[in-house]
Amino acid sequence: MIEADEFLHGVGLGQLLGPFAVNTALFAGYRLYGAFGGLISACAFMAPSLVLVLILFVALFLLSRDSSVAECGRRTRAGGNRADTERLVDA
């Protein structure tokens, strides 16, 4: 078990180094179970976000293969106006 004072030192260290939630999870895992615990706790903390990003990436990739979505993106990048884009989406 981590004492409250020691945990607050870990939170302070985490805030100093950047993304403090990940650093605090890493610190707590390290203090409880060593280097392997720190690695596992940091990975477990980041895994849900990583899974969500991968799901969104696959969905976007599959949608980009649909010709109407791809054409809409090409028109928008090429300077097409909003009416052109809406017409392509409605088609």
C-alpha atoms as a PDB file:
ATOM      1  CA  MET A   1       0.000   0.000   0.000  1.00  0.00           C
ATOM      2  CA  ILE A   2       1.250   3.488  -0.826  1.00  0.00           C
ATOM      3  CA  GLU A   3       1.102   6.049   1.950  1.00  0.00           C
ATOM      4  CA  ALA A   4      -0.786   9.274   1.180  1.00  0.00           C
ATOM      5  CA  ASP A   5       2.328  11.419   1.542  1.00  0.00           C
ATOM      6  CA  GLU A   6       4.317   9.226  -0.848  1.00  0.00           C
ATOM      7  CA  PHE A   7       1.428   9.221  -3.358  1.00  0.00           C
ATOM      8  CA  LEU A   8       1.275  13.035  -3.240  1.00  0.00           C
ATOM      9  CA  HIS A   9       4.990  13.136  -4.030  1.00  0.00           C
ATOM     10  CA  GLY A  10       4.277  10.899  -7.030  1.00  0.00           C
ATOM     11  CA  VAL A  11       1.465  13.201  -8.185  1.00  0.00           C
ATOM     12  CA  GLY A  12       3.786  16.204  -7.849  1.00  0.00           C
ATOM     13  CA  LEU A  13       6.478  14.429  -9.839  1.00  0.00           C
ATOM     14  CA  GLY A  14       3.904  13.483 -12.469  1.00  0.00           C
ATOM     15  CA  GLN A  15       2.754  17.095 -12.818  1.00  0.00           C
ATOM     16  CA  LEU A  16       6.334  18.225 -13.246  1.00  0.00           C
ATOM     17  CA  LEU A  17       7.080  15.779 -16.074  1.00  0.00           C
ATOM     18  CA  GLY A  18       4.071  16.300 -18.349  1.00  0.00           C
ATOM     19  CA  PRO A  19       0.952  14.157 -18.788  1.00  0.00           C
ATOM     20  CA  PHE A  20       0.566  13.628 -15.092  1.00  0.00           C
ATOM     21  CA  ALA A  21      -2.154  10.954 -15.062  1.00  0.00           C
ATOM     22  CA  VAL A  22       0.023   8.486 -16.969  1.00  0.00           C
ATOM     23  CA  ASN A  23       3.052   9.366 -14.869  1.00  0.00           C
ATOM     24  CA  THR A  24       1.071   8.915 -11.656  1.00  0.00           C
ATOM     25  CA  ALA A  25      -0.193   5.503 -12.807  1.00  0.00           C
ATOM     26  CA  LEU A  26       3.359   4.531 -13.706  1.00  0.00           C
ATOM     27  CA  PHE A  27       4.629   5.741 -10.328  1.00  0.00           C
ATOM     28  CA  ALA A  28       1.962   3.835  -8.369  1.00  0.00           C
ATOM     29  CA  GLY A  29       2.590   0.641 -10.339  1.00  0.00           C
ATOM     30  CA  TYR A  30       6.326   0.983  -9.870  1.00  0.00           C
ATOM     31  CA  ARG A  31       6.080   1.583  -6.125  1.00  0.00           C
ATOM     32  CA  LEU A  32       3.749  -1.390  -5.636  1.00  0.00           C
ATOM     33  CA  TYR A  33       5.186  -3.975  -8.048  1.00  0.00           C
ATOM     34  CA  GLY A  34       8.497  -2.682  -9.385  1.00  0.00           C
ATOM     35  CA  ALA A  35       9.433  -1.897 -12.976  1.00  0.00           C
ATOM     36  CA  PHE A  36       7.086  -4.516 -14.436  1.00  0.00           C
ATOM     37  CA  GLY A  37       4.175  -3.092 -12.404  1.00  0.00           C
ATOM     38  CA  GLY A  38       4.950   0.398 -13.658  1.00  0.00           C
ATOM     39  CA  LEU A  39       4.996  -0.784 -17.249  1.00  0.00           C
ATOM     40  CA  ILE A  40       1.750  -2.721 -16.881  1.00  0.00           C
ATOM     41  CA  SER A  41      -0.055   0.136 -15.119  1.00  0.00           C
ATOM     42  CA  ALA A  42       1.016   2.698 -17.747  1.00  0.00           C
ATOM     43  CA  CYS A  43      -0.033   0.381 -20.591  1.00  0.00           C
ATOM     44  CA  ALA A  44      -3.351  -0.381 -18.906  1.00  0.00           C
ATOM     45  CA  PHE A  45      -3.959   3.343 -18.484  1.00  0.00           C
ATOM     46  CA  MET A  46      -3.311   4.091 -22.169  1.00  0.00           C
ATOM     47  CA  ALA A  47      -4.937   0.975 -23.691  1.00  0.00           C
ATOM     48  CA  PRO A  48      -8.569   2.247 -23.841  1.00  0.00           C
ATOM     49  CA  SER A  49      -7.546   5.401 -25.710  1.00  0.00           C
ATOM     50  CA  LEU A  50      -5.366   3.427 -28.083  1.00  0.00           C
ATOM     51  CA  VAL A  51      -8.176   0.971 -28.825  1.00  0.00           C
ATOM     52  CA  LEU A  52     -10.612   3.838 -29.487  1.00  0.00           C
ATOM     53  CA  VAL A  53      -8.188   5.558 -31.869  1.00  0.00           C
ATOM     54  CA  LEU A  54      -7.599   2.296 -33.732  1.00  0.00           C
ATOM     55  CA  ILE A  55     -11.352   1.698 -34.078  1.00  0.00           C
ATOM     56  CA  LEU A  56     -11.848   5.222 -35.437  1.00  0.00           C
ATOM     57  CA  PHE A  57      -8.928   4.770 -37.829  1.00  0.00           C
ATOM     58  CA  VAL A  58     -10.389   1.552 -39.234  1.00  0.00           C
ATOM     59  CA  ALA A  59     -13.836   3.158 -39.568  1.00  0.00           C
ATOM     60  CA  LEU A  60     -12.377   6.149 -41.402  1.00  0.00           C
ATOM     61  CA  PHE A  61     -10.336   3.877 -43.639  1.00  0.00           C
ATOM     62  CA  LEU A  62     -13.389   1.832 -44.547  1.00  0.00           C
ATOM     63  CA  LEU A  63     -15.451   4.983 -45.168  1.00  0.00           C
ATOM     64  CA  SER A  64     -12.732   6.459 -47.367  1.00  0.00           C
ATOM     65  CA  ARG A  65     -13.104   3.476 -49.681  1.00  0.00           C
ATOM     66  CA  ASP A  66     -16.730   4.523 -50.301  1.00  0.00           C
ATOM     67  CA  SER A  67     -16.664   6.578 -53.508  1.00  0.00           C
ATOM     68  CA  SER A  68     -19.082   9.301 -52.333  1.00  0.00           C
ATOM     69  CA  VAL A  69     -17.070  10.016 -49.189  1.00  0.00           C
ATOM     70  CA  ALA A  70     -13.775   9.985 -51.100  1.00  0.00           C
ATOM     71  CA  GLU A  71     -15.173  12.289 -53.795  1.00  0.00           C
ATOM     72  CA  CYS A  72     -16.488  14.666 -51.145  1.00  0.00           C
ATOM     73  CA  GLY A  73     -13.023  14.873 -49.602  1.00  0.00           C
ATOM     74  CA  ARG A  74     -11.346  15.466 -52.953  1.00  0.00           C
ATOM     75  CA  ARG A  75     -13.788  18.243 -53.861  1.00  0.00           C
ATOM     76  CA  THR A  76     -13.344  19.948 -50.509  1.00  0.00           C
ATOM     77  CA  ARG A  77      -9.540  19.882 -50.756  1.00  0.00           C
ATOM     78  CA  ALA A  78      -9.678  21.061 -54.370  1.00  0.00           C
ATOM     79  CA  GLY A  79     -11.667  24.147 -53.398  1.00  0.00           C
ATOM     80  CA  GLY A  80     -15.167  22.889 -54.124  1.00  0.00           C
ATOM     81  CA  ASN A  81     -17.899  24.880 -52.491  1.00  0.00           C
ATOM     82  CA  ARG A  82     -20.309  23.694 -49.797  1.00  0.00           C
ATOM     83  CA  ALA A  83     -23.177  23.138 -52.281  1.00  0.00           C
ATOM     84  CA  ASP A  84     -21.025  20.723 -54.283  1.00  0.00           C
ATOM     85  CA  THR A  85     -20.122  18.838 -51.136  1.00  0.00           C
ATOM     86  CA  GLU A  86     -23.753  18.624 -49.966  1.00  0.00           C
ATOM     87  CA  ARG A  87     -24.860  17.427 -53.413  1.00  0.00           C
ATOM     88  CA  LEU A  88     -22.279  14.641 -53.332  1.00  0.00           C
ATOM     89  CA  VAL A  89     -23.322  13.551 -49.847  1.00  0.00           C
ATOM     90  CA  ASP A  90     -27.028  13.538 -50.748  1.00  0.00           C
ATOM     91  CA  ALA A  91     -26.422  11.511 -53.928  1.00  0.00           C
END
